[in-house]
Amino acid sequence: MNLLKMKNVKIFSFCLLFFCFTACSGQSKKEEKGKKEGITKRPDQAELQKLWAKGKHRLEIDYCKLYYNGKQILLHDSISNLKRILGSNYKERKGRLYYQDVPVFVLAVRRYKGGVSIAEAEATNASYTTVPTTIQIMMGDVTKEEHEQKKDNPDSYGFSIPGAKYVRINGVIISDDMMPDEINKLMRENHKPVFNARRSWAYAKVYSTVGNPRMEACQPDPRLKQENLTNIEIKYQREPDGERKPSFMTSIVYEYTDDHAEIKP
């Protein structure tokens, strides 16, 4: 009787070991196949939210408002206010501010007193204020070595901007390796505005919030005219073969649609 029991235990143990081996073998083959096909499991939104929160540069777009580390950046406001939030470590060239330690590129213009033209301003020596009109969040990881090599080259100021890995848009974390369809799926799942796709000569696809009622009703700054809109675009570089397919994310553009907006005192 004892011998029979021992025999049954051995058979059971053998079957259990065989099952575990085949299960682990199948899992490892599945993982190996996934690696070969370039399939990797993306962290869920809860994990991405934690990664974003731990970041040094927490950029967030909340419908029509842009925040950097919790402070709102206002377009068409004084450039000095921008510096208070982002700092002054940038290379300036022809009204473009290439930040060297924050993943943003800023387009700035001179706003002359009284709304006069450049010619009139030069003739009358009119005073002006420099204001940011567009902020472009540069996406993609840049290694420390690459950044050091490029930052002092005057012909490649744009390449010296560090890239952001994560940006929060309307509560959803967008990572630099997400494709357009995945972003729209995330937006739908979280009941957020879906980006409208349109084509561009320079990029594979441009995803824009223009035409979304909730965005159009949003007002980033009460001093700006309500009839103008804040636009968000997610841009991708197209594939090298010339097809208009997204290859990789390049930037997220945040702008107010009126280039000549006047801020009321």
Protein backbone atom coordinates (compact mmCIF):
# COMPACT_ATOMS: atom_id res chain seq x y z
CA MET A 1 0.00 0.00 0.00
CA ASN A 2 2.79 2.38 0.88
CA LEU A 3 4.61 1.48 -2.33
CA LEU A 4 1.46 2.23 -4.36
CA LYS A 5 1.05 5.59 -2.67
CA MET A 6 4.68 6.48 -3.30
CA LYS A 7 4.32 5.48 -6.94
CA ASN A 8 1.21 7.68 -7.33
CA VAL A 9 3.01 10.63 -5.69
CA LYS A 10 5.93 10.22 -8.09
CA ILE A 11 3.60 10.09 -11.10
CA PHE A 12 1.73 13.19 -9.86
CA SER A 13 4.99 15.06 -9.24
CA PHE A 14 6.27 14.13 -12.69
CA CYS A 15 3.04 15.37 -14.34
CA LEU A 16 3.20 18.59 -12.33
CA LEU A 17 6.82 19.23 -13.33
CA PHE A 18 6.03 18.43 -16.98
CA PHE A 19 3.08 20.85 -16.96
CA CYS A 20 5.19 23.62 -15.41
CA PHE A 21 7.99 23.03 -17.92
CA THR A 22 5.69 23.14 -20.94
CA ALA A 23 3.87 26.22 -19.60
CA CYS A 24 7.12 28.08 -18.94
CA SER A 25 8.54 26.95 -22.27
CA GLY A 26 5.44 28.18 -24.07
CA GLN A 27 5.58 31.51 -22.24
CA SER A 28 9.29 31.98 -23.03
CA LYS A 29 8.64 31.17 -26.70
CA LYS A 30 5.78 33.68 -26.69
CA GLU A 31 8.04 36.33 -25.13
CA GLU A 32 10.82 35.51 -27.59
CA LYS A 33 8.37 35.79 -30.49
CA GLY A 34 7.12 39.12 -29.10
CA LYS A 35 10.66 40.44 -28.91
CA LYS A 36 11.39 39.36 -32.49
CA GLU A 37 8.22 41.06 -33.74
CA GLY A 38 8.94 44.18 -31.72
CA ILE A 39 5.90 43.69 -29.49
CA THR A 40 6.34 45.18 -26.04
CA LYS A 41 3.73 45.64 -23.37
CA ARG A 42 3.07 49.30 -22.70
CA PRO A 43 2.55 50.44 -19.09
CA ASP A 44 -1.09 51.22 -18.31
CA GLN A 45 -2.30 54.76 -17.64
CA ALA A 46 -1.88 54.40 -13.86
CA GLU A 47 1.81 53.56 -14.33
CA LEU A 48 2.28 56.28 -16.94
CA GLN A 49 0.71 58.84 -14.60
CA LYS A 50 3.31 57.93 -11.94
CA LEU A 51 6.18 58.18 -14.45
CA TRP A 52 4.92 61.59 -15.62
CA ALA A 53 4.52 62.83 -12.03
CA LYS A 54 8.13 61.85 -11.22
CA GLY A 55 9.51 63.73 -14.24
CA LYS A 56 11.62 66.86 -13.97
CA HIS A 57 9.58 68.59 -16.69
CA ARG A 58 5.87 68.03 -16.11
CA LEU A 59 4.14 69.49 -19.15
CA GLU A 60 0.37 69.36 -19.15
CA ILE A 61 -2.31 70.61 -21.53
CA ASP A 62 -5.69 70.83 -19.83
CA TYR A 63 -8.01 71.53 -22.75
CA CYS A 64 -6.98 75.09 -23.70
CA LYS A 65 -4.52 75.68 -20.83
CA LEU A 66 -0.82 74.81 -20.75
CA TYR A 67 1.07 74.13 -17.51
CA TYR A 68 4.73 73.57 -16.72
CA ASN A 69 5.30 71.99 -13.30
CA GLY A 70 1.92 73.24 -12.18
CA LYS A 71 2.31 76.85 -13.40
CA GLN A 72 0.17 78.10 -16.26
CA ILE A 73 1.96 79.49 -19.31
CA LEU A 74 -0.03 82.23 -21.05
CA LEU A 75 0.43 82.97 -24.73
CA HIS A 76 0.56 86.60 -25.90
CA ASP A 77 1.64 87.58 -22.40
CA SER A 78 4.92 89.29 -21.56
CA ILE A 79 8.05 87.24 -22.29
CA SER A 80 9.24 88.10 -18.78
CA ASN A 81 6.36 86.03 -17.37
CA LEU A 82 7.44 83.13 -19.57
CA LYS A 83 10.98 83.41 -18.20
CA ARG A 84 9.68 83.27 -14.64
CA ILE A 85 8.21 79.85 -15.38
CA LEU A 86 10.65 78.30 -17.87
CA GLY A 87 13.81 80.19 -16.98
CA SER A 88 16.24 82.01 -19.27
CA ASN A 89 18.47 79.18 -20.48
CA TYR A 90 17.72 79.42 -24.20
CA LYS A 91 19.41 80.28 -27.48
CA GLU A 92 17.62 83.08 -29.33
CA ARG A 93 17.55 83.43 -33.08
CA LYS A 94 15.15 85.56 -35.16
CA GLY A 95 12.36 85.56 -32.58
CA ARG A 96 12.76 81.87 -31.79
CA LEU A 97 13.71 80.68 -28.32
CA TYR A 98 15.45 77.30 -28.26
CA TYR A 99 15.46 76.15 -24.64
CA GLN A 100 18.51 74.14 -23.59
CA ASP A 101 17.17 72.53 -20.41
CA VAL A 102 13.40 72.44 -20.97
CA PRO A 103 11.84 70.44 -23.87
CA VAL A 104 10.19 73.44 -25.56
CA PHE A 105 10.70 75.68 -28.57
CA VAL A 106 9.01 79.09 -28.34
CA LEU A 107 8.03 81.36 -31.21
CA ALA A 108 7.96 84.99 -30.03
CA VAL A 109 7.01 88.23 -31.78
CA ARG A 110 7.28 91.93 -31.02
CA ARG A 111 3.95 93.48 -30.15
CA TYR A 112 4.16 97.23 -30.76
CA LYS A 113 2.20 99.68 -28.65
CA GLY A 114 -1.01 100.75 -30.34
CA GLY A 115 -0.88 97.77 -32.74
CA VAL A 116 1.20 99.68 -35.31
CA SER A 117 3.15 97.90 -38.05
CA ILE A 118 6.91 97.34 -37.97
CA ALA A 119 7.45 100.18 -40.48
CA GLU A 120 5.35 102.61 -38.40
CA ALA A 121 7.09 101.47 -35.22
CA GLU A 122 10.53 102.15 -36.72
CA ALA A 123 9.42 105.56 -37.96
CA THR A 124 7.92 106.61 -34.64
CA ASN A 125 10.29 104.67 -32.40
CA ALA A 126 7.28 102.99 -30.81
CA SER A 127 7.78 100.86 -27.74
CA TYR A 128 7.09 97.14 -27.91
CA THR A 129 6.66 94.03 -25.81
CA THR A 130 7.99 90.62 -26.84
CA VAL A 131 5.30 87.96 -26.44
CA PRO A 132 5.21 84.17 -27.01
CA THR A 133 2.67 83.13 -29.67
CA THR A 134 3.41 79.41 -30.09
CA ILE A 135 4.96 76.83 -27.78
CA GLN A 136 6.18 73.59 -29.30
CA ILE A 137 6.84 70.68 -26.94
CA MET A 138 9.65 68.63 -28.47
CA MET A 139 9.11 64.88 -28.10
CA GLY A 140 11.61 62.04 -27.94
CA ASP A 141 14.51 61.03 -25.75
CA VAL A 142 17.86 62.70 -26.37
CA THR A 143 20.94 61.17 -24.73
CA LYS A 144 23.18 63.35 -22.59
CA GLU A 145 26.03 62.84 -25.08
CA GLU A 146 23.88 63.93 -28.04
CA HIS A 147 22.67 66.98 -26.13
CA GLU A 148 26.22 68.04 -25.22
CA GLN A 149 27.41 67.60 -28.82
CA LYS A 150 24.62 69.71 -30.32
CA LYS A 151 23.88 72.42 -27.77
CA ASP A 152 26.72 74.78 -28.81
CA ASN A 153 26.22 74.47 -32.58
CA PRO A 154 24.50 77.68 -33.79
CA ASP A 155 23.16 75.91 -36.88
CA SER A 156 21.36 73.25 -34.88
CA TYR A 157 19.77 75.06 -31.95
CA GLY A 158 16.58 73.10 -32.58
CA PHE A 159 18.41 69.78 -32.20
CA SER A 160 19.89 70.89 -28.88
CA ILE A 161 16.47 71.04 -27.20
CA PRO A 162 15.97 68.08 -24.83
CA GLY A 163 13.02 65.85 -25.71
CA ALA A 164 10.01 65.03 -23.51
CA LYS A 165 9.03 61.42 -22.96
CA TYR A 166 5.55 62.03 -21.50
CA VAL A 167 2.99 64.84 -21.74
CA ARG A 168 -0.42 64.87 -20.07
CA ILE A 169 -3.25 66.00 -22.36
CA ASN A 170 -6.74 66.33 -20.89
CA GLY A 171 -5.81 63.91 -18.11
CA VAL A 172 -4.39 61.25 -20.45
CA ILE A 173 -0.66 60.52 -20.57
CA ILE A 174 0.77 60.61 -24.09
CA SER A 175 4.21 59.04 -24.58
CA ASP A 176 6.58 59.86 -27.43
CA ASP A 177 6.28 56.37 -28.96
CA MET A 178 2.49 56.39 -29.35
CA MET A 179 0.96 56.31 -32.80
CA PRO A 180 -2.15 58.35 -33.78
CA ASP A 181 -4.64 55.48 -33.57
CA GLU A 182 -3.49 54.56 -30.07
CA ILE A 183 -3.83 58.17 -28.89
CA ASN A 184 -7.36 58.43 -30.22
CA LYS A 185 -8.27 55.10 -28.63
CA LEU A 186 -6.97 56.35 -25.27
CA MET A 187 -8.96 59.56 -25.62
CA ARG A 188 -12.16 57.64 -26.39
CA GLU A 189 -11.64 55.23 -23.49
CA ASN A 190 -11.19 58.15 -21.11
CA HIS A 191 -14.10 60.12 -22.62
CA LYS A 192 -11.82 62.96 -23.67
CA PRO A 193 -11.85 65.01 -26.90
CA VAL A 194 -10.65 62.96 -29.85
CA PHE A 195 -8.09 64.56 -32.14
CA ASN A 196 -9.18 65.17 -35.70
CA ALA A 197 -6.72 63.85 -38.29
CA ARG A 198 -5.68 65.90 -41.28
CA ARG A 199 -2.77 65.72 -43.70
CA SER A 200 0.16 68.07 -44.02
CA TRP A 201 2.89 68.37 -46.64
CA ALA A 202 5.64 68.19 -44.02
CA TYR A 203 4.28 65.56 -41.67
CA ALA A 204 2.62 62.19 -41.94
CA LYS A 205 -0.41 63.22 -39.93
CA VAL A 206 -1.35 66.21 -37.84
CA TYR A 207 -3.82 65.68 -35.05
CA SER A 208 -5.71 68.82 -34.15
CA THR A 209 -8.34 69.78 -31.59
CA VAL A 210 -9.90 72.39 -33.88
CA GLY A 211 -13.60 71.66 -34.39
CA ASN A 212 -14.07 70.10 -30.95
CA PRO A 213 -16.94 71.92 -29.13
CA ARG A 214 -15.41 71.52 -25.68
CA MET A 215 -12.12 73.03 -26.87
CA GLU A 216 -13.90 75.88 -28.64
CA ALA A 217 -15.78 76.77 -25.44
CA CYS A 218 -12.56 76.83 -23.42
CA GLN A 219 -10.85 80.16 -22.67
CA PRO A 220 -7.16 80.07 -21.65
CA ASP A 221 -6.93 83.72 -20.64
CA PRO A 222 -9.92 86.03 -19.96
CA ARG A 223 -7.92 88.93 -21.43
CA LEU A 224 -7.99 87.34 -24.90
CA LYS A 225 -10.91 87.53 -27.32
CA GLN A 226 -13.34 84.61 -27.01
CA GLU A 227 -13.83 84.23 -30.78
CA ASN A 228 -10.26 83.01 -31.23
CA LEU A 229 -9.27 79.46 -30.35
CA THR A 230 -6.47 77.54 -28.71
CA ASN A 231 -5.20 74.79 -30.97
CA ILE A 232 -3.26 71.63 -30.06
CA GLU A 233 -1.55 69.58 -32.76
CA ILE A 234 0.38 66.33 -32.41
CA LYS A 235 2.86 66.06 -35.26
CA TYR A 236 4.68 63.09 -36.74
CA GLN A 237 7.54 62.73 -39.17
CA ARG A 238 6.50 60.74 -42.19
CA GLU A 239 8.24 57.57 -43.29
CA PRO A 240 11.44 57.94 -45.37
CA ASP A 241 9.89 56.33 -48.45
CA GLY A 242 7.71 59.39 -48.96
CA GLU A 243 4.44 57.79 -47.96
CA ARG A 244 2.28 59.84 -45.66
CA LYS A 245 2.43 57.34 -42.82
CA PRO A 246 3.55 58.30 -39.30
CA SER A 247 7.09 57.19 -38.53
CA PHE A 248 7.70 58.86 -35.16
CA MET A 249 6.27 61.70 -33.06
CA THR A 250 8.18 64.96 -33.38
CA SER A 251 6.32 67.52 -31.29
CA ILE A 252 3.11 68.75 -29.72
CA VAL A 253 2.22 72.29 -30.77
CA TYR A 254 0.21 74.61 -28.53
CA GLU A 255 -0.92 77.90 -30.05
CA TYR A 256 -3.60 80.56 -30.03
CA THR A 257 -5.13 80.92 -33.50
CA ASP A 258 -4.85 84.73 -33.66
CA ASP A 259 -1.19 85.61 -34.31
CA HIS A 260 -1.88 89.30 -33.60
CA ALA A 261 -3.95 88.89 -30.47
CA GLU A 262 -3.95 91.86 -28.13
CA ILE A 263 -4.07 91.22 -24.40
CA LYS A 264 -6.43 93.56 -22.63
CA PRO A 265 -4.91 95.33 -19.58
